[in-house]
Every structure is written in C-alpha cells, then in structure tokens.
C-alpha cells in the first residue's frame, strides 16, 4: 500500500480527526486531503501529464504538507528541497517546469474540485 493510499483510507475512516497541527492550529484529515487534491489538480494542469518527480521547495507549513501529499496523489516521486539551501537549477534541468514554477508556501492553497485526472 502506498503512503497516499494509507492517507486516503484514514480520511475515509476518520475525516474529522486531527491529522496534524501547524503553528498550534489543528488540521483535520478531510481538510488536508482537500488541500492536497487541489494542489494535485494544479500540478497536473500545469504539467499536462503525470509528473515523474516533483521538487517541493517548502518549509514546515500547511502548504508544504499538503504539497507533499499532492505530489504523491499526482503519482510523482517527491523530492523535498530545503528553502535555506535553494540554488538555481543545474544545467540540463532548465527544461522542466518544476524548476521554473513555484507556489507560495506562506499562505494556504485553496481547495480545487476533485478532477478525474487526479483520482
């Protein structure tokens, strides 16, 4: 069973249970799933297909946790990148949108409707 499958089963079983706390704020499994689904849809829409890997440039925040799950939902391998050590893309990687597209990790992403592409 994949990590995302385990997460989905937990959401189905206890959707209103607290999945994590960020900055003292409780986040339910349902809310985390909704945020991850929205981001997975945005990843798929931006790339246009199932990505092989997603670099996640984010600190410990709700968008970071949702982004990690979103990349898994999109079917990608997640490569966590520490913002404190961010460097420009190495030569040969400039062709991938992962290096040129970024989303803010300082505000919460808005949930998007679940689409067939991300189910």
C-alpha atoms as a PDB file:
ATOM      1  CA  UNK A   1       0.000   0.000   0.000  1.00  0.00           C
ATOM      2  CA  UNK A   2       1.328   3.441  -0.901  1.00  0.00           C
ATOM      3  CA  UNK A   3       1.595   6.310   1.568  1.00  0.00           C
ATOM      4  CA  UNK A   4      -1.167   8.180  -0.252  1.00  0.00           C
ATOM      5  CA  UNK A   5      -3.452   5.120  -0.229  1.00  0.00           C
ATOM      6  CA  UNK A   6      -2.913   4.818   3.503  1.00  0.00           C
ATOM      7  CA  UNK A   7      -3.729   8.509   3.888  1.00  0.00           C
ATOM      8  CA  UNK A   8      -6.945   8.170   1.812  1.00  0.00           C
ATOM      9  CA  UNK A   9      -8.067   5.184   3.893  1.00  0.00           C
ATOM     10  CA  UNK A  10      -7.514   7.209   7.045  1.00  0.00           C
ATOM     11  CA  UNK A  11      -9.526  10.123   5.615  1.00  0.00           C
ATOM     12  CA  UNK A  12     -12.394   7.747   4.797  1.00  0.00           C
ATOM     13  CA  UNK A  13     -12.290   6.247   8.290  1.00  0.00           C
ATOM     14  CA  UNK A  14     -11.869   9.390  10.452  1.00  0.00           C
ATOM     15  CA  UNK A  15     -12.245  12.521   8.288  1.00  0.00           C
ATOM     16  CA  UNK A  16     -12.701  14.935  11.200  1.00  0.00           C
ATOM     17  CA  UNK A  17      -9.797  13.611  13.278  1.00  0.00           C
ATOM     18  CA  UNK A  18      -6.761  15.848  13.644  1.00  0.00           C
ATOM     19  CA  UNK A  19      -4.109  14.831  11.128  1.00  0.00           C
ATOM     20  CA  UNK A  20      -1.510  17.361  12.262  1.00  0.00           C
ATOM     21  CA  UNK A  21      -1.041  20.684  13.979  1.00  0.00           C
ATOM     22  CA  UNK A  22       0.695  23.565  12.267  1.00  0.00           C
ATOM     23  CA  UNK A  23       1.518  26.602  14.351  1.00  0.00           C
ATOM     24  CA  UNK A  24      -0.830  25.356  17.067  1.00  0.00           C
ATOM     25  CA  UNK A  25      -3.720  25.059  14.597  1.00  0.00           C
ATOM     26  CA  UNK A  26      -5.312  21.595  14.224  1.00  0.00           C
ATOM     27  CA  UNK A  27      -5.800  20.364  10.665  1.00  0.00           C
ATOM     28  CA  UNK A  28      -8.274  17.545  10.000  1.00  0.00           C
ATOM     29  CA  UNK A  29      -7.652  14.701   7.605  1.00  0.00           C
ATOM     30  CA  UNK A  30     -10.517  15.979   5.421  1.00  0.00           C
ATOM     31  CA  UNK A  31      -9.058  19.488   5.181  1.00  0.00           C
ATOM     32  CA  UNK A  32      -5.582  18.175   4.429  1.00  0.00           C
ATOM     33  CA  UNK A  33      -6.993  15.864   1.735  1.00  0.00           C
ATOM     34  CA  UNK A  34      -8.978  18.718   0.161  1.00  0.00           C
ATOM     35  CA  UNK A  35      -5.885  20.924   0.032  1.00  0.00           C
ATOM     36  CA  UNK A  36      -3.763  18.102  -1.403  1.00  0.00           C
ATOM     37  CA  UNK A  37      -6.396  17.320  -4.037  1.00  0.00           C
ATOM     38  CA  UNK A  38      -6.497  20.953  -5.112  1.00  0.00           C
ATOM     39  CA  UNK A  39      -2.736  21.146  -5.430  1.00  0.00           C
ATOM     40  CA  UNK A  40      -2.568  17.799  -7.273  1.00  0.00           C
ATOM     41  CA  UNK A  41      -5.024  19.194  -9.798  1.00  0.00           C
ATOM     42  CA  UNK A  42      -2.883  22.301 -10.212  1.00  0.00           C
ATOM     43  CA  UNK A  43       0.248  20.196 -10.693  1.00  0.00           C
ATOM     44  CA  UNK A  44      -1.464  18.094 -13.344  1.00  0.00           C
ATOM     45  CA  UNK A  45      -2.925  21.159 -15.099  1.00  0.00           C
ATOM     46  CA  UNK A  46       0.456  22.914 -15.116  1.00  0.00           C
ATOM     47  CA  UNK A  47       2.480  19.942 -16.349  1.00  0.00           C
ATOM     48  CA  UNK A  48      -0.217  18.484 -18.604  1.00  0.00           C
ATOM     49  CA  UNK A  49       0.525  14.884 -17.649  1.00  0.00           C
ATOM     50  CA  UNK A  50       1.512  12.750 -14.680  1.00  0.00           C
ATOM     51  CA  UNK A  51       4.875  14.079 -13.491  1.00  0.00           C
ATOM     52  CA  UNK A  52       7.678  11.646 -12.703  1.00  0.00           C
ATOM     53  CA  UNK A  53       9.093  13.791  -9.907  1.00  0.00           C
ATOM     54  CA  UNK A  54       8.155  16.973  -8.084  1.00  0.00           C
ATOM     55  CA  UNK A  55      10.654  19.122  -6.228  1.00  0.00           C
ATOM     56  CA  UNK A  56       8.963  20.589  -3.166  1.00  0.00           C
ATOM     57  CA  UNK A  57      10.660  23.799  -2.079  1.00  0.00           C
ATOM     58  CA  UNK A  58       8.928  24.482   1.217  1.00  0.00           C
ATOM     59  CA  UNK A  59       9.428  24.871   4.929  1.00  0.00           C
ATOM     60  CA  UNK A  60       7.356  23.088   7.561  1.00  0.00           C
ATOM     61  CA  UNK A  61       3.957  24.599   6.848  1.00  0.00           C
ATOM     62  CA  UNK A  62       0.457  23.516   5.892  1.00  0.00           C
ATOM     63  CA  UNK A  63       1.124  24.176   2.181  1.00  0.00           C
ATOM     64  CA  UNK A  64       4.297  22.066   2.439  1.00  0.00           C
ATOM     65  CA  UNK A  65       2.494  19.087   3.989  1.00  0.00           C
ATOM     66  CA  UNK A  66      -0.382  19.404   1.511  1.00  0.00           C
ATOM     67  CA  UNK A  67       2.125  19.785  -1.332  1.00  0.00           C
ATOM     68  CA  UNK A  68       3.916  16.586  -0.355  1.00  0.00           C
ATOM     69  CA  UNK A  69       0.635  14.673  -0.406  1.00  0.00           C
ATOM     70  CA  UNK A  70      -0.395  16.415  -3.656  1.00  0.00           C
ATOM     71  CA  UNK A  71       2.752  15.237  -5.424  1.00  0.00           C
ATOM     72  CA  UNK A  72       2.093  11.684  -4.235  1.00  0.00           C
ATOM     73  CA  UNK A  73      -1.550  11.983  -5.365  1.00  0.00           C
ATOM     74  CA  UNK A  74      -0.330  13.137  -8.776  1.00  0.00           C
ATOM     75  CA  UNK A  75       1.729   9.946  -8.991  1.00  0.00           C
ATOM     76  CA  UNK A  76       5.126  11.587  -8.646  1.00  0.00           C
ATOM     77  CA  UNK A  77       8.190  10.944  -6.565  1.00  0.00           C
ATOM     78  CA  UNK A  78       8.622  13.814  -4.092  1.00  0.00           C
ATOM     79  CA  UNK A  79      11.990  15.474  -3.653  1.00  0.00           C
ATOM     80  CA  UNK A  80      11.850  17.766  -0.585  1.00  0.00           C
ATOM     81  CA  UNK A  81      14.081  20.818  -1.035  1.00  0.00           C
ATOM     82  CA  UNK A  82      15.146  22.989   1.871  1.00  0.00           C
ATOM     83  CA  UNK A  83      14.422  26.687   1.157  1.00  0.00           C
ATOM     84  CA  UNK A  84      17.502  27.675   3.166  1.00  0.00           C
ATOM     85  CA  UNK A  85      19.721  25.825   0.680  1.00  0.00           C
ATOM     86  CA  UNK A  86      17.917  26.708  -2.553  1.00  0.00           C
ATOM     87  CA  UNK A  87      20.185  27.137  -5.544  1.00  0.00           C
ATOM     88  CA  UNK A  88      19.330  27.797  -9.199  1.00  0.00           C
ATOM     89  CA  UNK A  89      18.583  24.761 -11.348  1.00  0.00           C
ATOM     90  CA  UNK A  90      21.667  22.894 -12.525  1.00  0.00           C
ATOM     91  CA  UNK A  91      22.461  22.868 -16.253  1.00  0.00           C
ATOM     92  CA  UNK A  92      20.287  20.414 -18.136  1.00  0.00           C
ATOM     93  CA  UNK A  93      17.315  20.791 -15.782  1.00  0.00           C
ATOM     94  CA  UNK A  94      16.017  24.077 -17.163  1.00  0.00           C
ATOM     95  CA  UNK A  95      13.577  22.262 -19.479  1.00  0.00           C
ATOM     96  CA  UNK A  96      11.405  21.095 -16.618  1.00  0.00           C
ATOM     97  CA  UNK A  97       8.644  23.277 -15.234  1.00  0.00           C
ATOM     98  CA  UNK A  98       9.415  22.120 -11.708  1.00  0.00           C
ATOM     99  CA  UNK A  99      12.391  24.485 -11.643  1.00  0.00           C
ATOM    100  CA  UNK A 100      10.542  27.487 -13.032  1.00  0.00           C
ATOM    101  CA  UNK A 101       7.123  27.174 -11.391  1.00  0.00           C
ATOM    102  CA  UNK A 102       6.649  27.860  -7.713  1.00  0.00           C
ATOM    103  CA  UNK A 103       3.725  28.298  -5.375  1.00  0.00           C
ATOM    104  CA  UNK A 104       3.781  30.334  -2.227  1.00  0.00           C
ATOM    105  CA  UNK A 105       4.328  28.413   0.993  1.00  0.00           C
ATOM    106  CA  UNK A 106       3.313  31.351   3.147  1.00  0.00           C
ATOM    107  CA  UNK A 107      -0.404  31.096   2.516  1.00  0.00           C
ATOM    108  CA  UNK A 108      -2.784  28.202   2.405  1.00  0.00           C
ATOM    109  CA  UNK A 109      -3.684  26.892  -1.071  1.00  0.00           C
ATOM    110  CA  UNK A 110      -7.356  26.963  -1.958  1.00  0.00           C
ATOM    111  CA  UNK A 111      -9.015  23.570  -2.430  1.00  0.00           C
ATOM    112  CA  UNK A 112      -9.868  22.771  -6.036  1.00  0.00           C
ATOM    113  CA  UNK A 113     -12.657  20.435  -7.167  1.00  0.00           C
ATOM    114  CA  UNK A 114     -11.558  16.827  -7.496  1.00  0.00           C
ATOM    115  CA  UNK A 115     -10.954  16.043 -11.142  1.00  0.00           C
ATOM    116  CA  UNK A 116     -10.728  12.723 -12.915  1.00  0.00           C
ATOM    117  CA  UNK A 117      -7.093  13.418 -13.733  1.00  0.00           C
ATOM    118  CA  UNK A 118      -6.124  13.364 -10.057  1.00  0.00           C
ATOM    119  CA  UNK A 119      -8.324  10.486  -8.856  1.00  0.00           C
END
